Protein backbone atom coordinates (compact mmCIF):
# COMPACT_ATOMS: atom_id res chain seq x y z
CA MET A 1 5.06 -10.70 3.85
CA ILE A 2 2.60 -11.89 1.25
CA LYS A 3 -1.19 -11.97 1.19
CA GLN A 4 -1.32 -15.53 2.55
CA ASP A 5 0.68 -14.41 5.59
CA ILE A 6 -1.99 -11.79 6.27
CA VAL A 7 -4.71 -14.43 5.89
CA HIS A 8 -2.81 -16.64 8.35
CA HIS A 9 -2.66 -13.77 10.88
CA VAL A 10 -6.42 -13.22 10.51
CA ILE A 11 -7.07 -16.93 11.10
CA LYS A 12 -4.80 -16.96 14.14
CA ARG A 13 -6.32 -13.82 15.72
CA THR A 14 -9.99 -14.49 14.96
CA GLY A 15 -10.34 -18.25 14.64
CA LEU A 16 -12.19 -17.85 11.34
CA PRO A 17 -12.07 -20.69 8.81
CA ARG A 18 -9.51 -20.17 6.02
CA THR A 19 -12.15 -19.50 3.34
CA LYS A 20 -13.81 -16.75 5.39
CA ALA A 21 -10.46 -15.20 6.34
CA GLU A 22 -9.39 -15.16 2.67
CA ALA A 23 -12.72 -13.58 1.71
CA ALA A 24 -12.29 -10.91 4.40
CA VAL A 25 -8.75 -10.04 3.28
CA ASP A 26 -9.80 -10.00 -0.39
CA THR A 27 -12.74 -7.72 0.46
CA VAL A 28 -10.48 -5.25 2.28
CA PHE A 29 -7.97 -5.19 -0.58
CA GLU A 30 -10.73 -4.73 -3.17
CA GLY A 31 -12.13 -1.82 -1.18
CA LEU A 32 -8.69 -0.22 -0.99
CA LYS A 33 -8.16 -0.66 -4.74
CA GLN A 34 -11.56 0.82 -5.57
CA ALA A 35 -10.96 3.83 -3.33
CA LEU A 36 -7.55 4.50 -4.89
CA THR A 37 -8.98 4.06 -8.39
CA THR A 38 -11.49 6.83 -7.72
CA GLY A 39 -8.76 9.06 -6.27
CA GLU A 40 -9.85 8.80 -2.64
CA ARG A 41 -7.42 9.19 0.24
CA ILE A 42 -7.14 6.19 2.59
CA GLU A 43 -6.15 6.97 6.17
CA LEU A 44 -5.39 4.06 8.49
CA ARG A 45 -4.77 5.57 11.93
CA GLY A 46 -1.49 4.45 13.43
CA PHE A 47 -0.37 2.92 10.13
CA GLY A 48 -0.33 5.60 7.45
CA VAL A 49 -2.05 7.33 4.57
CA PHE A 50 -2.37 6.19 0.95
CA SER A 51 -3.13 8.86 -1.64
CA VAL A 52 -3.12 9.20 -5.41
CA ARG A 53 -1.06 12.02 -6.89
CA ALA A 54 -0.57 13.22 -10.43
CA ARG A 55 2.78 12.41 -11.97
CA LYS A 56 4.37 15.05 -14.19
CA THR A 57 5.53 14.58 -17.74
CA GLY A 58 9.22 14.60 -18.17
CA ILE A 59 12.23 13.24 -19.92
CA GLY A 60 14.16 10.30 -18.56
CA ARG A 61 17.09 8.27 -19.81
CA ASN A 62 17.33 4.62 -20.68
CA PRO A 63 20.14 3.40 -18.39
CA ARG A 64 21.40 0.85 -20.93
CA THR A 65 21.54 2.99 -24.04
CA GLY A 66 21.53 6.51 -22.61
CA THR A 67 18.82 7.60 -25.06
CA GLU A 68 16.19 10.06 -23.86
CA VAL A 69 12.73 8.67 -23.18
CA SER A 70 9.54 10.69 -22.83
CA ILE A 71 7.71 10.01 -19.56
CA SER A 72 3.97 10.41 -19.98
CA PRO A 73 1.80 12.00 -17.29
CA GLY A 74 -0.08 9.65 -15.04
CA LYS A 75 -1.02 8.94 -11.49
CA ALA A 76 0.95 7.23 -8.74
CA VAL A 77 -0.02 5.88 -5.33
CA ARG A 78 1.93 7.47 -2.48
CA PHE A 79 2.24 6.19 1.07
CA LYS A 80 3.04 8.33 4.09
CA PRO A 81 3.77 6.25 7.20
CA GLY A 82 2.01 7.05 10.45
CA LYS A 83 3.60 7.78 13.81
CA GLU A 84 3.78 4.13 14.87
CA LEU A 85 5.67 3.16 11.71
CA HIS A 86 8.05 6.07 12.22
CA SER A 87 8.86 4.66 15.65
CA LEU A 88 10.01 1.42 13.94
CA GLU A 89 12.68 3.45 12.17
CA ASN A 90 13.96 4.63 15.54
CA GLY A 91 14.30 1.08 16.82
CA SER A 92 11.35 0.98 19.21
CA VAL A 93 8.81 -1.84 19.12
CA PRO A 94 5.11 -1.10 18.39
CA ASN A 95 2.37 -2.01 20.89
CA ASN A 96 0.37 -5.14 20.02
């Protein structure tokens, strides 16, 4: 699924014109990006939780050459699925 698929779903469910639906989706994504940039936790009930965690320094290997590569510390976005997404793994269908 790509962003335009999400816009299409918004249009279908709400009847909004395409430009307004695109603006709404863009606004939501921008808000999510800004929250993650500031290190906030995003909890979407029934879907999951996005959080930013520190990534450790370490030493990795280049798979082609086998040489060691230093991995610098940083931050990574983590996603923990909610209960409804866990039920998808078990083969059950979510409620719509």
